[in-house]
Amino acid sequence: MSRKHPIISVTGSSGAGTTTVKTTFDQIFRREGIRAVSIEGDAFHRYDRAAMKAELARRTASGDNTFSHFSLDANELGKLEEIFRIYGETGRGETRHYVHDDREAERWGAAPGTFSEWADFEDGSDLLFYEGLHGAVKTDGIDIARHADLKIGVVPVINLEWIQKIHRDKASRGYSTEAVTDVILRRMHDYVHVITPQFTQTDINFQRVPVVDTSNPFIARWIPTADESLVVIRFRNPRGIDFAYLTQMIQGSWMSRANSIVIPGPKMDLAMQLILTPMVQRLVETSKKA
């Protein structure tokens, strides 16, 4: 952790809604006049699209049916930890971009399925913002979590997460339900051993819970809407959190435990604004005094 060069890390698995959370943070940064540099988790994949396909085939042929982008060895996590450390010490670092499609290819000057060149962060940033799969990883050899000053987990209940992934991959990538199901099964080992342990490291978790039947996510015809959901917000350390203020400001909310508040799904953006804005302000104010 760094008082002078703070780091915010948003962690969630694919389809969890981390991109929506990033949009909320962007609004906070813009409104508060905060200069943030951003890095994306997929910039630290070890393989580009073609190389990942070949590695998957090699692993499968050798009997390994658990290798995926969730896997520790599918990502340059040592590099990610090093960039967190360097930024915390100096306010400097570098990143690149994984190019998903033709639109991004035009922006970043690299072919879809490949990476852009590494580029240094702009000087004079107030904080570093990470969004991806591994922003709170802690293993015997890697401890990314210790470098982040504010760690946010975005965690839909698992059936909802699967529904979101199935619908997204079918709509945007043309996959069949069976193909997406195979990906989910391949990822389950690392979902259990890599993804979920991170949510004990996070400072705040936002977990969306549908209030409609999601018992068979593989035949669900649509994704439950925000109106059909609740969001459970859990604070690892509730000290200093004004729950009375939050429940007063967020209509329909209530405390479910001494460290948790439940809100209606459509109020998630408001809740994030109310909770995270003062935290971000404190990080930046502290860094400027350091």
C-alpha atoms as a PDB file:
ATOM      1  CA  MET A   1       0.000   0.000   0.000  1.00  0.00           C
ATOM      2  CA  SER A   2       1.164   3.513  -0.756  1.00  0.00           C
ATOM      3  CA  ARG A   3       0.055   6.722   0.891  1.00  0.00           C
ATOM      4  CA  LYS A   4       1.614   8.825  -1.856  1.00  0.00           C
ATOM      5  CA  HIS A   5       0.531   6.854  -4.937  1.00  0.00           C
ATOM      6  CA  PRO A   6      -2.722   5.012  -4.122  1.00  0.00           C
ATOM      7  CA  ILE A   7      -4.052   2.022  -6.070  1.00  0.00           C
ATOM      8  CA  ILE A   8      -7.701   0.983  -6.479  1.00  0.00           C
ATOM      9  CA  SER A   9      -8.340  -2.594  -7.619  1.00  0.00           C
ATOM     10  CA  VAL A  10     -11.712  -3.883  -8.873  1.00  0.00           C
ATOM     11  CA  THR A  11     -11.863  -7.671  -9.128  1.00  0.00           C
ATOM     12  CA  GLY A  12     -14.529  -9.950 -10.539  1.00  0.00           C
ATOM     13  CA  SER A  13     -14.814 -12.852 -12.937  1.00  0.00           C
ATOM     14  CA  SER A  14     -15.895 -12.524 -16.570  1.00  0.00           C
ATOM     15  CA  GLY A  15     -19.428 -11.203 -16.903  1.00  0.00           C
ATOM     16  CA  ALA A  16     -19.582 -10.124 -13.271  1.00  0.00           C
ATOM     17  CA  GLY A  17     -20.152  -6.455 -14.054  1.00  0.00           C
ATOM     18  CA  THR A  18     -16.702  -5.002 -13.366  1.00  0.00           C
ATOM     19  CA  THR A  19     -16.977  -2.842 -16.482  1.00  0.00           C
ATOM     20  CA  THR A  20     -20.117  -1.199 -15.053  1.00  0.00           C
ATOM     21  CA  VAL A  21     -18.229  -0.523 -11.837  1.00  0.00           C
ATOM     22  CA  LYS A  22     -15.409   1.046 -13.849  1.00  0.00           C
ATOM     23  CA  THR A  23     -17.946   3.405 -15.420  1.00  0.00           C
ATOM     24  CA  THR A  24     -19.041   4.490 -11.939  1.00  0.00           C
ATOM     25  CA  PHE A  25     -15.448   5.122 -10.906  1.00  0.00           C
ATOM     26  CA  ASP A  26     -14.875   7.117 -14.110  1.00  0.00           C
ATOM     27  CA  GLN A  27     -17.816   9.320 -13.116  1.00  0.00           C
ATOM     28  CA  ILE A  28     -16.319   9.836  -9.644  1.00  0.00           C
ATOM     29  CA  PHE A  29     -12.899  10.665 -11.084  1.00  0.00           C
ATOM     30  CA  ARG A  30     -14.387  13.151 -13.553  1.00  0.00           C
ATOM     31  CA  ARG A  31     -16.626  14.848 -10.983  1.00  0.00           C
ATOM     32  CA  GLU A  32     -13.876  15.129  -8.367  1.00  0.00           C
ATOM     33  CA  GLY A  33     -11.183  16.210 -10.838  1.00  0.00           C
ATOM     34  CA  ILE A  34      -9.023  13.158 -10.142  1.00  0.00           C
ATOM     35  CA  ARG A  35      -6.416  12.092 -12.687  1.00  0.00           C
ATOM     36  CA  ALA A  36      -6.407   8.279 -12.807  1.00  0.00           C
ATOM     37  CA  VAL A  37      -4.360   5.927 -14.950  1.00  0.00           C
ATOM     38  CA  SER A  38      -6.131   2.671 -15.756  1.00  0.00           C
ATOM     39  CA  ILE A  39      -4.923  -0.846 -16.432  1.00  0.00           C
ATOM     40  CA  GLU A  40      -7.030  -3.769 -17.596  1.00  0.00           C
ATOM     41  CA  GLY A  41      -6.607  -7.318 -16.408  1.00  0.00           C
ATOM     42  CA  ASP A  42      -6.591  -8.834 -19.891  1.00  0.00           C
ATOM     43  CA  ALA A  43      -3.503  -6.757 -20.744  1.00  0.00           C
ATOM     44  CA  PHE A  44      -1.657  -9.232 -18.526  1.00  0.00           C
ATOM     45  CA  HIS A  45      -2.734 -12.423 -20.254  1.00  0.00           C
ATOM     46  CA  ARG A  46       0.338 -14.513 -21.067  1.00  0.00           C
ATOM     47  CA  TYR A  47      -0.942 -15.528 -24.510  1.00  0.00           C
ATOM     48  CA  ASP A  48      -2.595 -13.701 -27.385  1.00  0.00           C
ATOM     49  CA  ARG A  49      -5.701 -15.242 -28.975  1.00  0.00           C
ATOM     50  CA  ALA A  50      -3.904 -17.615 -31.359  1.00  0.00           C
ATOM     51  CA  ALA A  51      -1.302 -18.671 -28.789  1.00  0.00           C
ATOM     52  CA  MET A  52      -4.015 -19.267 -26.164  1.00  0.00           C
ATOM     53  CA  LYS A  53      -5.926 -21.480 -28.570  1.00  0.00           C
ATOM     54  CA  ALA A  54      -2.785 -23.504 -29.238  1.00  0.00           C
ATOM     55  CA  GLU A  55      -1.962 -23.740 -25.524  1.00  0.00           C
ATOM     56  CA  LEU A  56      -5.504 -24.876 -24.742  1.00  0.00           C
ATOM     57  CA  ALA A  57      -5.203 -27.618 -27.358  1.00  0.00           C
ATOM     58  CA  ARG A  58      -1.827 -28.699 -25.953  1.00  0.00           C
ATOM     59  CA  ARG A  59      -3.133 -28.777 -22.379  1.00  0.00           C
ATOM     60  CA  THR A  60      -6.250 -30.697 -23.356  1.00  0.00           C
ATOM     61  CA  ALA A  61      -4.202 -33.247 -25.275  1.00  0.00           C
ATOM     62  CA  SER A  62      -2.065 -33.762 -22.176  1.00  0.00           C
ATOM     63  CA  GLY A  63      -5.167 -34.370 -20.038  1.00  0.00           C
ATOM     64  CA  ASP A  64      -5.429 -30.924 -18.434  1.00  0.00           C
ATOM     65  CA  ASN A  65      -9.051 -29.792 -18.682  1.00  0.00           C
ATOM     66  CA  THR A  66      -8.777 -26.905 -16.208  1.00  0.00           C
ATOM     67  CA  PHE A  67      -6.593 -24.400 -18.071  1.00  0.00           C
ATOM     68  CA  SER A  68      -8.296 -21.066 -18.824  1.00  0.00           C
ATOM     69  CA  HIS A  69      -7.832 -17.313 -18.551  1.00  0.00           C
ATOM     70  CA  PHE A  70      -8.705 -17.727 -14.864  1.00  0.00           C
ATOM     71  CA  SER A  71      -5.533 -19.784 -14.333  1.00  0.00           C
ATOM     72  CA  LEU A  72      -2.556 -18.219 -12.599  1.00  0.00           C
ATOM     73  CA  ASP A  73      -0.124 -19.518 -15.232  1.00  0.00           C
ATOM     74  CA  ALA A  74      -2.233 -18.098 -18.066  1.00  0.00           C
ATOM     75  CA  ASN A  75      -1.388 -14.610 -16.861  1.00  0.00           C
ATOM     76  CA  GLU A  76       1.681 -12.476 -16.183  1.00  0.00           C
ATOM     77  CA  LEU A  77       0.786 -11.912 -12.538  1.00  0.00           C
ATOM     78  CA  GLY A  78       4.376 -11.341 -11.508  1.00  0.00           C
ATOM     79  CA  LYS A  79       4.482  -8.478 -13.993  1.00  0.00           C
ATOM     80  CA  LEU A  80       1.184  -7.109 -12.664  1.00  0.00           C
ATOM     81  CA  GLU A  81       2.437  -7.208  -9.071  1.00  0.00           C
ATOM     82  CA  GLU A  82       5.656  -5.488 -10.122  1.00  0.00           C
ATOM     83  CA  ILE A  83       3.712  -2.664 -11.793  1.00  0.00           C
ATOM     84  CA  PHE A  84       1.567  -2.249  -8.673  1.00  0.00           C
ATOM     85  CA  ARG A  85       4.732  -2.095  -6.548  1.00  0.00           C
ATOM     86  CA  ILE A  86       6.518   0.372  -8.821  1.00  0.00           C
ATOM     87  CA  TYR A  87       3.474   2.635  -9.055  1.00  0.00           C
ATOM     88  CA  GLY A  88       3.053   2.628  -5.271  1.00  0.00           C
ATOM     89  CA  GLU A  89       6.690   3.654  -4.847  1.00  0.00           C
ATOM     90  CA  THR A  90       7.116   6.110  -7.734  1.00  0.00           C
ATOM     91  CA  GLY A  91       3.775   6.908  -9.392  1.00  0.00           C
ATOM     92  CA  ARG A  92       5.150   5.429 -12.607  1.00  0.00           C
ATOM     93  CA  GLY A  93       4.535   2.250 -14.552  1.00  0.00           C
ATOM     94  CA  GLU A  94       3.441   0.850 -17.880  1.00  0.00           C
ATOM     95  CA  THR A  95       0.613  -1.059 -19.462  1.00  0.00           C
ATOM     96  CA  ARG A  96      -0.652  -2.354 -22.775  1.00  0.00           C
ATOM     97  CA  HIS A  97      -4.030  -3.289 -24.227  1.00  0.00           C
ATOM     98  CA  TYR A  98      -5.512  -6.563 -25.378  1.00  0.00           C
ATOM     99  CA  VAL A  99      -7.265  -5.800 -28.667  1.00  0.00           C
ATOM    100  CA  HIS A 100     -10.694  -7.455 -28.806  1.00  0.00           C
ATOM    101  CA  ASP A 101     -12.140  -6.270 -32.137  1.00  0.00           C
ATOM    102  CA  ASP A 102     -11.659  -4.087 -35.214  1.00  0.00           C
ATOM    103  CA  ARG A 103     -12.732  -0.928 -33.400  1.00  0.00           C
ATOM    104  CA  GLU A 104     -10.062  -1.415 -30.757  1.00  0.00           C
ATOM    105  CA  ALA A 105      -7.560  -2.415 -33.450  1.00  0.00           C
ATOM    106  CA  GLU A 106      -7.976   0.985 -35.067  1.00  0.00           C
ATOM    107  CA  ARG A 107      -7.521   2.704 -31.718  1.00  0.00           C
ATOM    108  CA  TRP A 108      -4.490   0.764 -30.483  1.00  0.00           C
ATOM    109  CA  GLY A 109      -2.752  -0.074 -33.748  1.00  0.00           C
ATOM    110  CA  ALA A 110      -2.666  -3.847 -33.334  1.00  0.00           C
ATOM    111  CA  ALA A 111      -4.631  -6.715 -34.866  1.00  0.00           C
ATOM    112  CA  PRO A 112      -7.656  -8.153 -33.031  1.00  0.00           C
ATOM    113  CA  GLY A 113      -6.580 -10.918 -30.688  1.00  0.00           C
ATOM    114  CA  THR A 114      -3.133  -9.423 -30.076  1.00  0.00           C
ATOM    115  CA  PHE A 115      -1.593  -6.917 -27.691  1.00  0.00           C
ATOM    116  CA  SER A 116      -0.594  -3.305 -28.231  1.00  0.00           C
ATOM    117  CA  GLU A 117       2.940  -2.268 -27.352  1.00  0.00           C
ATOM    118  CA  TRP A 118       3.803  -1.525 -23.729  1.00  0.00           C
ATOM    119  CA  ALA A 119       3.523   2.203 -22.995  1.00  0.00           C
ATOM    120  CA  ASP A 120       4.433   4.285 -19.951  1.00  0.00           C
ATOM    121  CA  PHE A 121       1.739   5.843 -17.773  1.00  0.00           C
ATOM    122  CA  GLU A 122       1.138   9.546 -18.179  1.00  0.00           C
ATOM    123  CA  ASP A 123       2.971  11.648 -15.596  1.00  0.00           C
ATOM    124  CA  GLY A 124       1.152  13.405 -12.776  1.00  0.00           C
ATOM    125  CA  SER A 125      -1.602  10.877 -12.037  1.00  0.00           C
ATOM    126  CA  ASP A 126      -3.413  10.909  -8.692  1.00  0.00           C
ATOM    127  CA  LEU A 127      -4.025   7.166  -8.521  1.00  0.00           C
ATOM    128  CA  LEU A 128      -3.881   3.859 -10.396  1.00  0.00           C
ATOM    129  CA  PHE A 129      -7.113   2.026 -11.233  1.00  0.00           C
ATOM    130  CA  TYR A 130      -7.161  -1.722 -12.068  1.00  0.00           C
ATOM    131  CA  GLU A 131     -10.129  -3.726 -13.336  1.00  0.00           C
ATOM    132  CA  GLY A 132      -9.852  -7.441 -14.086  1.00  0.00           C
ATOM    133  CA  LEU A 133      -9.729 -11.026 -12.848  1.00  0.00           C
ATOM    134  CA  HIS A 134      -6.728 -11.025 -10.539  1.00  0.00           C
ATOM    135  CA  GLY A 135      -6.559  -7.715  -8.684  1.00  0.00           C
ATOM    136  CA  ALA A 136      -6.552  -9.280  -5.197  1.00  0.00           C
ATOM    137  CA  VAL A 137      -4.618 -12.501  -5.778  1.00  0.00           C
ATOM    138  CA  LYS A 138      -2.579 -13.761  -2.846  1.00  0.00           C
ATOM    139  CA  THR A 139      -0.595 -16.998  -3.193  1.00  0.00           C
ATOM    140  CA  ASP A 140       2.673 -18.365  -1.847  1.00  0.00           C
ATOM    141  CA  GLY A 141       4.614 -16.601  -4.596  1.00  0.00           C
ATOM    142  CA  ILE A 142       2.400 -13.644  -5.516  1.00  0.00           C
ATOM    143  CA  ASP A 143       0.717 -11.031  -3.348  1.00  0.00           C
ATOM    144  CA  ILE A 144      -1.013  -8.454  -5.511  1.00  0.00           C
ATOM    145  CA  ALA A 145      -3.582  -7.710  -2.802  1.00  0.00           C
ATOM    146  CA  ARG A 146      -1.059  -6.097  -0.452  1.00  0.00           C
ATOM    147  CA  HIS A 147      -0.219  -3.352  -2.940  1.00  0.00           C
ATOM    148  CA  ALA A 148      -3.795  -2.068  -3.410  1.00  0.00           C
ATOM    149  CA  ASP A 149      -5.174   0.605  -1.076  1.00  0.00           C
ATOM    150  CA  LEU A 150      -8.835  -0.006  -1.910  1.00  0.00           C
ATOM    151  CA  LYS A 151      -9.985  -3.410  -3.159  1.00  0.00           C
ATOM    152  CA  ILE A 152     -13.508  -3.865  -4.559  1.00  0.00           C
ATOM    153  CA  GLY A 153     -15.093  -7.232  -5.343  1.00  0.00           C
ATOM    154  CA  VAL A 154     -17.928  -7.535  -7.869  1.00  0.00           C
ATOM    155  CA  VAL A 155     -19.629 -10.867  -7.323  1.00  0.00           C
ATOM    156  CA  PRO A 156     -22.975 -11.972  -8.758  1.00  0.00           C
ATOM    157  CA  VAL A 157     -24.278 -15.240  -7.312  1.00  0.00           C
ATOM    158  CA  ILE A 158     -22.978 -18.028  -9.474  1.00  0.00           C
ATOM    159  CA  ASN A 159     -26.150 -18.956 -11.407  1.00  0.00           C
ATOM    160  CA  LEU A 160     -26.618 -15.287 -12.340  1.00  0.00           C
ATOM    161  CA  GLU A 161     -22.965 -15.089 -13.367  1.00  0.00           C
ATOM    162  CA  TRP A 162     -23.433 -18.080 -15.656  1.00  0.00           C
ATOM    163  CA  ILE A 163     -26.592 -16.610 -17.196  1.00  0.00           C
ATOM    164  CA  GLN A 164     -24.755 -13.358 -17.909  1.00  0.00           C
ATOM    165  CA  LYS A 165     -21.825 -15.190 -19.492  1.00  0.00           C
ATOM    166  CA  ILE A 166     -23.996 -17.472 -21.626  1.00  0.00           C
ATOM    167  CA  HIS A 167     -26.041 -14.577 -22.990  1.00  0.00           C
ATOM    168  CA  ARG A 168     -23.006 -12.350 -23.566  1.00  0.00           C
ATOM    169  CA  ASP A 169     -20.949 -15.002 -25.350  1.00  0.00           C
ATOM    170  CA  LYS A 170     -23.861 -16.121 -27.513  1.00  0.00           C
ATOM    171  CA  ALA A 171     -24.730 -12.536 -28.484  1.00  0.00           C
ATOM    172  CA  SER A 172     -21.250 -11.053 -28.970  1.00  0.00           C
ATOM    173  CA  ARG A 173     -19.171 -14.082 -29.966  1.00  0.00           C
ATOM    174  CA  GLY A 174     -21.682 -16.368 -31.652  1.00  0.00           C
ATOM    175  CA  TYR A 175     -21.041 -19.275 -29.272  1.00  0.00           C
ATOM    176  CA  SER A 176     -23.613 -22.005 -28.658  1.00  0.00           C
ATOM    177  CA  THR A 177     -24.903 -22.711 -25.156  1.00  0.00           C
ATOM    178  CA  GLU A 178     -22.961 -25.976 -25.236  1.00  0.00           C
ATOM    179  CA  ALA A 179     -19.711 -24.196 -26.107  1.00  0.00           C
ATOM    180  CA  VAL A 180     -20.140 -21.688 -23.282  1.00  0.00           C
ATOM    181  CA  THR A 181     -20.989 -24.524 -20.894  1.00  0.00           C
ATOM    182  CA  ASP A 182     -17.684 -26.202 -21.808  1.00  0.00           C
ATOM    183  CA  VAL A 183     -15.846 -22.953 -20.977  1.00  0.00           C
ATOM    184  CA  ILE A 184     -17.633 -22.714 -17.618  1.00  0.00           C
ATOM    185  CA  LEU A 185     -16.690 -26.310 -16.762  1.00  0.00           C
ATOM    186  CA  ARG A 186     -13.072 -25.704 -17.753  1.00  0.00           C
ATOM    187  CA  ARG A 187     -12.936 -22.641 -15.525  1.00  0.00           C
ATOM    188  CA  MET A 188     -14.527 -24.164 -12.429  1.00  0.00           C
ATOM    189  CA  HIS A 189     -11.271 -25.396 -10.852  1.00  0.00           C
ATOM    190  CA  ASP A 190      -9.694 -21.947 -10.984  1.00  0.00           C
ATOM    191  CA  TYR A 191     -12.978 -20.232 -10.142  1.00  0.00           C
ATOM    192  CA  VAL A 192     -12.852 -22.106  -6.841  1.00  0.00           C
ATOM    193  CA  HIS A 193      -9.108 -21.840  -6.208  1.00  0.00           C
ATOM    194  CA  VAL A 194      -8.161 -18.495  -7.796  1.00  0.00           C
ATOM    195  CA  ILE A 195     -11.208 -16.240  -8.219  1.00  0.00           C
ATOM    196  CA  THR A 196     -13.321 -16.746  -5.086  1.00  0.00           C
ATOM    197  CA  PRO A 197     -10.427 -16.580  -2.540  1.00  0.00           C
ATOM    198  CA  GLN A 198      -9.795 -13.008  -3.666  1.00  0.00           C
ATOM    199  CA  PHE A 199     -13.111 -11.889  -2.224  1.00  0.00           C
ATOM    200  CA  THR A 200     -11.806 -12.472   1.299  1.00  0.00           C
ATOM    201  CA  GLN A 201      -9.026  -9.966   0.500  1.00  0.00           C
ATOM    202  CA  THR A 202     -11.340  -7.228  -0.786  1.00  0.00           C
ATOM    203  CA  ASP A 203     -12.417  -4.271   1.352  1.00  0.00           C
ATOM    204  CA  ILE A 204     -15.942  -4.081  -0.093  1.00  0.00           C
ATOM    205  CA  ASN A 205     -17.935  -6.661  -2.042  1.00  0.00           C
ATOM    206  CA  PHE A 206     -20.961  -5.896  -4.201  1.00  0.00           C
ATOM    207  CA  GLN A 207     -22.924  -9.093  -4.798  1.00  0.00           C
ATOM    208  CA  ARG A 208     -25.989  -9.051  -7.058  1.00  0.00           C
ATOM    209  CA  VAL A 209     -28.656 -11.552  -6.094  1.00  0.00           C
ATOM    210  CA  PRO A 210     -31.648 -12.189  -8.410  1.00  0.00           C
ATOM    211  CA  VAL A 211     -35.096 -12.520  -6.857  1.00  0.00           C
ATOM    212  CA  VAL A 212     -36.459 -14.516  -9.788  1.00  0.00           C
ATOM    213  CA  ASP A 213     -35.931 -18.189 -10.579  1.00  0.00           C
ATOM    214  CA  THR A 214     -32.415 -18.827 -11.927  1.00  0.00           C
ATOM    215  CA  SER A 215     -32.309 -22.500 -10.941  1.00  0.00           C
ATOM    216  CA  ASN A 216     -31.309 -23.647 -14.450  1.00  0.00           C
ATOM    217  CA  PRO A 217     -29.070 -20.940 -15.940  1.00  0.00           C
ATOM    218  CA  PHE A 218     -28.467 -22.987 -19.087  1.00  0.00           C
ATOM    219  CA  ILE A 219     -32.026 -22.552 -20.347  1.00  0.00           C
ATOM    220  CA  ALA A 220     -32.718 -19.025 -19.043  1.00  0.00           C
ATOM    221  CA  ARG A 221     -34.163 -16.883 -21.823  1.00  0.00           C
ATOM    222  CA  TRP A 222     -33.069 -13.537 -20.411  1.00  0.00           C
ATOM    223  CA  ILE A 223     -30.784 -12.031 -17.809  1.00  0.00           C
ATOM    224  CA  PRO A 224     -32.557 -10.911 -14.616  1.00  0.00           C
ATOM    225  CA  THR A 225     -32.831  -7.130 -14.664  1.00  0.00           C
ATOM    226  CA  ALA A 226     -31.730  -4.733 -11.947  1.00  0.00           C
ATOM    227  CA  ASP A 227     -35.397  -4.434 -10.901  1.00  0.00           C
ATOM    228  CA  GLU A 228     -35.398  -8.208 -10.389  1.00  0.00           C
ATOM    229  CA  SER A 229     -32.320  -8.139  -8.181  1.00  0.00           C
ATOM    230  CA  LEU A 230     -30.976  -7.103  -4.814  1.00  0.00           C
ATOM    231  CA  VAL A 231     -27.368  -6.148  -4.111  1.00  0.00           C
ATOM    232  CA  VAL A 232     -25.611  -7.235  -0.929  1.00  0.00           C
ATOM    233  CA  ILE A 233     -22.784  -4.861   0.039  1.00  0.00           C
ATOM    234  CA  ARG A 234     -20.300  -6.314   2.531  1.00  0.00           C
ATOM    235  CA  PHE A 235     -17.592  -4.267   4.281  1.00  0.00           C
ATOM    236  CA  ARG A 236     -14.583  -6.184   5.566  1.00  0.00           C
ATOM    237  CA  ASN A 237     -14.080  -3.513   8.219  1.00  0.00           C
ATOM    238  CA  PRO A 238     -17.353  -1.699   8.989  1.00  0.00           C
ATOM    239  CA  ARG A 239     -15.719   0.750  11.387  1.00  0.00           C
ATOM    240  CA  GLY A 240     -16.424   4.300  10.239  1.00  0.00           C
ATOM    241  CA  ILE A 241     -19.199   3.290   7.821  1.00  0.00           C
ATOM    242  CA  ASP A 242     -22.335   5.376   8.494  1.00  0.00           C
ATOM    243  CA  PHE A 243     -24.971   2.703   7.940  1.00  0.00           C
ATOM    244  CA  ALA A 244     -27.762   4.942   9.258  1.00  0.00           C
ATOM    245  CA  TYR A 245     -26.910   7.534   6.604  1.00  0.00           C
ATOM    246  CA  LEU A 246     -26.749   4.916   3.839  1.00  0.00           C
ATOM    247  CA  THR A 247     -30.076   3.301   4.726  1.00  0.00           C
ATOM    248  CA  GLN A 248     -31.659   6.749   4.911  1.00  0.00           C
ATOM    249  CA  MET A 249     -30.274   7.852   1.529  1.00  0.00           C
ATOM    250  CA  ILE A 250     -30.931   4.571  -0.314  1.00  0.00           C
ATOM    251  CA  GLN A 251     -34.650   3.935  -0.334  1.00  0.00           C
ATOM    252  CA  GLY A 252     -35.601   0.324   0.303  1.00  0.00           C
ATOM    253  CA  SER A 253     -32.249  -0.636   1.858  1.00  0.00           C
ATOM    254  CA  TRP A 254     -31.605  -2.374   5.148  1.00  0.00           C
ATOM    255  CA  MET A 255     -28.804  -3.899   7.202  1.00  0.00           C
ATOM    256  CA  SER A 256     -28.663  -7.704   7.081  1.00  0.00           C
ATOM    257  CA  ARG A 257     -25.574  -8.070   9.273  1.00  0.00           C
ATOM    258  CA  ALA A 258     -23.362  -5.761  11.290  1.00  0.00           C
ATOM    259  CA  ASN A 259     -21.067  -5.364   8.256  1.00  0.00           C
ATOM    260  CA  SER A 260     -23.598  -5.672   5.409  1.00  0.00           C
ATOM    261  CA  ILE A 261     -26.325  -3.642   3.756  1.00  0.00           C
ATOM    262  CA  VAL A 262     -28.875  -4.849   1.196  1.00  0.00           C
ATOM    263  CA  ILE A 263     -30.147  -2.468  -1.484  1.00  0.00           C
ATOM    264  CA  PRO A 264     -32.559  -2.683  -4.434  1.00  0.00           C
ATOM    265  CA  GLY A 265     -30.761  -3.550  -7.678  1.00  0.00           C
ATOM    266  CA  PRO A 266     -31.455  -0.214  -9.440  1.00  0.00           C
ATOM    267  CA  LYS A 267     -29.790   1.643  -6.536  1.00  0.00           C
ATOM    268  CA  MET A 268     -26.349   0.092  -7.047  1.00  0.00           C
ATOM    269  CA  ASP A 269     -24.864   3.074  -8.858  1.00  0.00           C
ATOM    270  CA  LEU A 270     -26.172   5.479  -6.204  1.00  0.00           C
ATOM    271  CA  ALA A 271     -24.818   3.257  -3.435  1.00  0.00           C
ATOM    272  CA  MET A 272     -21.403   3.098  -5.072  1.00  0.00           C
ATOM    273  CA  GLN A 273     -21.341   6.868  -5.468  1.00  0.00           C
ATOM    274  CA  LEU A 274     -22.253   7.399  -1.806  1.00  0.00           C
ATOM    275  CA  ILE A 275     -19.837   4.789  -0.454  1.00  0.00           C
ATOM    276  CA  LEU A 276     -16.852   5.140  -2.771  1.00  0.00           C
ATOM    277  CA  THR A 277     -16.668   8.906  -3.360  1.00  0.00           C
ATOM    278  CA  PRO A 278     -15.502   9.782   0.174  1.00  0.00           C
ATOM    279  CA  MET A 279     -13.084   6.838   0.150  1.00  0.00           C
ATOM    280  CA  VAL A 280     -11.504   7.994  -3.102  1.00  0.00           C
ATOM    281  CA  GLN A 281     -11.366  11.568  -1.815  1.00  0.00           C
ATOM    282  CA  ARG A 282      -9.537  10.428   1.326  1.00  0.00           C
ATOM    283  CA  LEU A 283      -7.014   8.414  -0.680  1.00  0.00           C
ATOM    284  CA  VAL A 284      -6.202  11.408  -2.897  1.00  0.00           C
ATOM    285  CA  GLU A 285      -6.127  13.923  -0.028  1.00  0.00           C
ATOM    286  CA  THR A 286      -3.797  11.657   1.958  1.00  0.00           C
ATOM    287  CA  SER A 287      -1.533  11.174  -1.056  1.00  0.00           C
ATOM    288  CA  LYS A 288      -1.207  14.929  -1.575  1.00  0.00           C
ATOM    289  CA  LYS A 289      -0.229  15.432   2.061  1.00  0.00           C
ATOM    290  CA  ALA A 290       2.346  12.600   1.983  1.00  0.00           C
END
